[in-house]
N, C-alpha and C. Protein backbone atom coordinates (compact mmCIF):
# COMPACT_ATOMS: atom_id res chain seq x y z
N MET A 1 -98.97 169.19 77.16
CA MET A 1 -98.32 168.59 78.39
C MET A 1 -99.16 167.51 78.97
N PRO A 2 -98.70 166.62 79.39
CA PRO A 2 -99.31 165.44 79.84
C PRO A 2 -99.99 165.87 81.05
N ARG A 3 -100.89 165.78 82.00
CA ARG A 3 -101.50 166.03 83.25
C ARG A 3 -101.57 164.51 84.39
N ARG A 4 -101.17 165.20 85.30
CA ARG A 4 -101.38 164.22 86.40
C ARG A 4 -101.89 164.14 87.76
N LYS A 5 -102.94 163.39 88.17
CA LYS A 5 -104.14 163.48 89.04
C LYS A 5 -102.70 163.73 90.60
N VAL A 6 -103.42 164.37 91.38
CA VAL A 6 -102.68 164.50 93.10
C VAL A 6 -103.31 164.82 93.75
N SER A 7 -102.96 164.16 94.83
CA SER A 7 -104.25 164.56 96.30
C SER A 7 -103.27 165.25 97.22
N THR A 8 -103.77 166.30 98.19
CA THR A 8 -103.16 167.02 98.86
C THR A 8 -104.01 167.42 99.88
N VAL A 9 -103.86 167.85 101.10
CA VAL A 9 -104.59 168.40 102.12
C VAL A 9 -104.24 169.71 102.09
N LEU A 10 -105.38 170.63 102.33
CA LEU A 10 -105.62 172.04 102.39
C LEU A 10 -105.88 172.56 103.66
N ASP A 11 -105.87 173.79 103.99
CA ASP A 11 -106.68 174.70 104.90
C ASP A 11 -107.92 175.21 104.46
N GLU A 12 -108.83 174.44 105.10
CA GLU A 12 -110.34 174.82 104.41
C GLU A 12 -110.12 176.31 104.04
N HIS A 13 -109.98 177.23 104.72
CA HIS A 13 -109.83 178.81 104.14
C HIS A 13 -109.26 179.19 103.01
N LEU A 14 -107.80 178.48 102.62
CA LEU A 14 -107.28 178.26 101.26
C LEU A 14 -108.14 177.53 100.28
N PHE A 15 -108.42 176.68 100.44
CA PHE A 15 -109.04 175.84 99.57
C PHE A 15 -110.17 176.67 98.83
N ARG A 16 -111.39 177.44 100.02
CA ARG A 16 -112.08 178.19 99.71
C ARG A 16 -111.79 179.42 98.84
N ARG A 17 -110.45 180.07 99.16
CA ARG A 17 -110.20 181.24 98.23
C ARG A 17 -109.85 180.86 97.04
N ALA A 18 -109.50 179.73 96.93
CA ALA A 18 -108.97 179.23 95.54
C ALA A 18 -110.00 178.91 94.58
N LYS A 19 -111.28 178.03 95.58
CA LYS A 19 -112.63 177.84 94.77
C LYS A 19 -112.96 179.31 94.14
N LEU A 20 -113.14 180.34 95.31
CA LEU A 20 -113.56 181.43 94.80
C LEU A 20 -112.99 182.14 93.37
N GLU A 21 -111.60 182.10 93.62
CA GLU A 21 -110.63 182.76 92.43
C GLU A 21 -111.13 181.87 91.03
N SER A 22 -111.26 180.63 91.33
CA SER A 22 -111.47 179.59 90.21
C SER A 22 -113.04 180.23 89.42
N VAL A 23 -113.72 180.43 90.24
CA VAL A 23 -115.39 180.69 89.85
C VAL A 23 -115.22 182.51 89.33
N ARG A 24 -114.40 183.00 89.88
CA ARG A 24 -114.23 184.41 89.21
C ARG A 24 -113.68 184.29 87.82
N GLN A 25 -112.70 183.57 87.84
CA GLN A 25 -111.58 183.49 86.64
C GLN A 25 -112.42 182.48 85.40
N GLY A 26 -113.42 181.83 85.93
CA GLY A 26 -113.90 180.64 85.19
C GLY A 26 -113.32 179.63 84.62
N LYS A 27 -112.37 179.66 85.82
CA LYS A 27 -111.18 178.05 85.57
C LYS A 27 -111.80 177.13 86.44
N PRO A 28 -111.08 175.78 86.49
CA PRO A 28 -111.13 175.06 87.50
C PRO A 28 -110.16 174.93 88.51
N VAL A 29 -110.57 174.76 89.72
CA VAL A 29 -109.58 174.51 90.95
C VAL A 29 -107.87 174.39 90.30
N SER A 30 -108.06 173.12 89.58
CA SER A 30 -106.61 172.83 89.48
C SER A 30 -105.79 173.71 88.59
N GLY A 31 -106.62 174.67 87.44
CA GLY A 31 -105.77 175.59 87.28
C GLY A 31 -105.62 176.74 87.80
N ILE A 32 -106.26 177.04 88.87
CA ILE A 32 -105.84 178.21 89.86
C ILE A 32 -104.21 177.55 90.54
N LEU A 33 -104.63 175.91 90.93
CA LEU A 33 -103.76 175.85 92.01
C LEU A 33 -102.17 175.37 90.93
N GLY A 34 -102.41 174.98 89.80
CA GLY A 34 -101.34 174.50 88.80
C GLY A 34 -100.46 175.94 88.79
N GLU A 35 -101.16 177.19 88.39
CA GLU A 35 -100.58 178.08 88.34
C GLU A 35 -100.12 179.02 89.28
N ALA A 36 -100.58 178.96 90.52
CA ALA A 36 -99.99 179.15 91.83
C ALA A 36 -98.23 178.77 92.05
N ILE A 37 -98.59 177.22 91.85
CA ILE A 37 -97.25 176.54 92.00
C ILE A 37 -96.33 177.02 90.93
N GLU A 38 -96.60 177.24 89.69
CA GLU A 38 -95.84 177.52 88.79
C GLU A 38 -95.38 178.69 89.07
N ARG A 39 -95.97 179.71 89.83
CA ARG A 39 -95.55 181.18 90.04
C ARG A 39 -94.53 181.07 91.05
N TYR A 40 -94.80 180.13 92.12
CA TYR A 40 -94.06 179.98 93.04
C TYR A 40 -92.54 179.31 93.12
N LEU A 41 -92.71 178.28 91.91
CA LEU A 41 -91.57 177.77 91.80
C LEU A 41 -90.26 178.61 90.89
N THR A 42 -91.17 179.41 90.04
CA THR A 42 -90.42 180.44 89.54
C THR A 42 -89.83 181.59 90.15
N GLU A 43 -90.44 181.95 91.03
CA GLU A 43 -89.62 182.89 91.88
C GLU A 43 -89.00 182.30 92.89
N ALA A 44 -89.09 181.15 93.25
CA ALA A 44 -88.19 180.51 94.34
C ALA A 44 -86.83 180.32 93.46
N GLY A 45 -86.90 179.68 92.28
CA GLY A 45 -85.75 179.31 91.62
C GLY A 45 -84.99 180.70 90.87
N ARG A 46 -85.98 181.81 90.68
CA ARG A 46 -85.00 182.91 90.30
C ARG A 46 -84.40 183.80 91.82
N GLY A 47 -84.56 183.61 92.84
CA GLY A 47 -84.36 184.34 93.88
C GLY A 47 -82.92 183.61 94.39
N ARG A 48 -83.10 182.28 94.00
CA ARG A 48 -81.88 181.47 94.38
C ARG A 48 -80.69 181.50 93.17
N ALA A 49 -80.97 181.97 92.35
CA ALA A 49 -79.76 182.19 91.06
C ALA A 49 -79.49 183.44 90.93
N ALA A 50 -80.42 184.77 91.44
CA ALA A 50 -80.11 185.89 91.12
C ALA A 50 -79.03 186.36 92.57
N GLY A 51 -79.17 185.89 93.62
CA GLY A 51 -78.03 186.57 94.53
C GLY A 51 -77.51 185.63 95.18
N GLY A 52 -77.56 184.29 94.75
CA GLY A 52 -76.65 183.20 95.63
C GLY A 52 -77.58 183.33 97.18
N VAL A 53 -76.44 182.92 97.93
CA VAL A 53 -76.56 182.40 99.43
C VAL A 53 -77.09 183.64 100.15
N VAL A 54 -76.76 184.91 99.95
CA VAL A 54 -76.95 185.93 100.81
C VAL A 54 -78.33 186.53 100.54
N ALA A 55 -78.65 186.37 99.37
CA ALA A 55 -80.31 186.64 98.73
C ALA A 55 -81.22 185.59 99.53
N GLY A 56 -80.75 184.50 99.30
CA GLY A 56 -81.63 183.07 99.72
C GLY A 56 -81.66 183.02 100.95
N THR A 57 -81.00 183.55 102.06
CA THR A 57 -80.92 183.49 103.58
C THR A 57 -81.16 184.81 104.22
N TRP A 58 -81.29 185.74 103.28
CA TRP A 58 -81.40 187.56 103.72
C TRP A 58 -80.33 187.85 104.16
N GLY A 59 -79.42 187.31 104.44
CA GLY A 59 -77.98 187.54 104.98
C GLY A 59 -77.76 186.97 106.13
N VAL A 60 -78.66 186.03 106.46
CA VAL A 60 -78.61 185.39 107.93
C VAL A 60 -77.69 184.01 107.57
N LEU A 61 -76.78 183.95 108.47
CA LEU A 61 -76.01 182.68 108.44
C LEU A 61 -75.97 182.36 109.85
N LYS A 62 -76.03 180.86 110.15
CA LYS A 62 -76.23 180.27 111.38
C LYS A 62 -74.64 179.95 112.20
N LEU A 63 -74.58 180.71 113.03
CA LEU A 63 -73.29 180.76 113.52
C LEU A 63 -73.26 180.21 115.01
N ASP A 64 -72.17 179.31 115.46
CA ASP A 64 -72.47 178.67 116.93
C ASP A 64 -71.94 180.06 118.12
N ARG A 65 -72.30 180.05 119.11
CA ARG A 65 -72.19 181.08 120.32
C ARG A 65 -70.47 181.74 119.99
N ARG A 66 -69.82 180.54 120.42
CA ARG A 66 -68.01 180.77 120.28
C ARG A 66 -67.62 181.82 118.81
N LYS A 67 -67.97 181.39 117.60
CA LYS A 67 -68.02 182.05 116.44
C LYS A 67 -68.36 183.49 116.62
N VAL A 68 -69.78 183.90 117.20
CA VAL A 68 -70.23 185.25 117.19
C VAL A 68 -69.57 185.78 118.60
N ASP A 69 -69.04 185.37 119.66
CA ASP A 69 -68.04 185.72 120.59
C ASP A 69 -67.04 186.51 119.97
N ARG A 70 -66.18 185.54 119.12
CA ARG A 70 -65.11 185.78 118.50
C ARG A 70 -64.93 187.02 117.51
N LEU A 71 -66.21 186.86 117.06
CA LEU A 71 -66.62 188.02 115.79
C LEU A 71 -66.47 189.40 116.86
N LEU A 72 -67.06 189.17 117.62
CA LEU A 72 -67.55 190.61 118.33
C LEU A 72 -65.98 190.80 118.75
N ARG A 73 -65.46 190.05 119.51
CA ARG A 73 -64.40 190.49 120.15
C ARG A 73 -62.99 190.90 119.07
N ASP A 74 -63.12 190.41 117.75
CA ASP A 74 -62.08 190.85 116.90
C ASP A 74 -62.57 191.90 116.06
N GLU A 75 -63.75 192.29 116.15
CA GLU A 75 -64.07 193.49 115.39
C GLU A 75 -64.87 194.52 116.49
N GLU A 76 -63.82 194.94 117.00
CA GLU A 76 -63.95 196.16 118.19
C GLU A 76 -64.77 197.14 117.38
N GLY A 77 -65.83 197.99 118.41
CA GLY A 77 -67.06 198.85 117.56
C GLY A 77 -67.94 198.88 116.86
N LEU A 78 -67.67 197.29 116.50
CA LEU A 78 -68.98 196.77 115.76
C LEU A 78 -70.43 197.14 115.86
N LEU A 79 -70.68 197.06 117.51
CA LEU A 79 -71.90 197.21 117.88
C LEU A 79 -72.24 198.86 118.25
N ASP A 80 -71.37 199.50 118.05
CA ASP A 80 -71.37 201.00 118.46
C ASP A 80 -71.83 201.79 117.67
N ALA A 81 -71.84 201.43 116.18
CA ALA A 81 -72.77 202.06 115.25
C ALA A 81 -73.84 202.18 115.09
């Protein structure tokens, strides 16, 4: 697969950890970063596809105050459990 050169800015401690891991594994830092990005994108895509909106937001949906008040009013005893 063709490779592309990119530039980015990392926190110093994160770069040092990546550098140490690259030495430990005998790989270039670019290999460590590429594997990390690949893993992140795979996991992010898996979560979105597997559980839909609820899994992707941990069940948290943004509601304005009026909708929350109406929900609490309509669902008597909801907070008593």
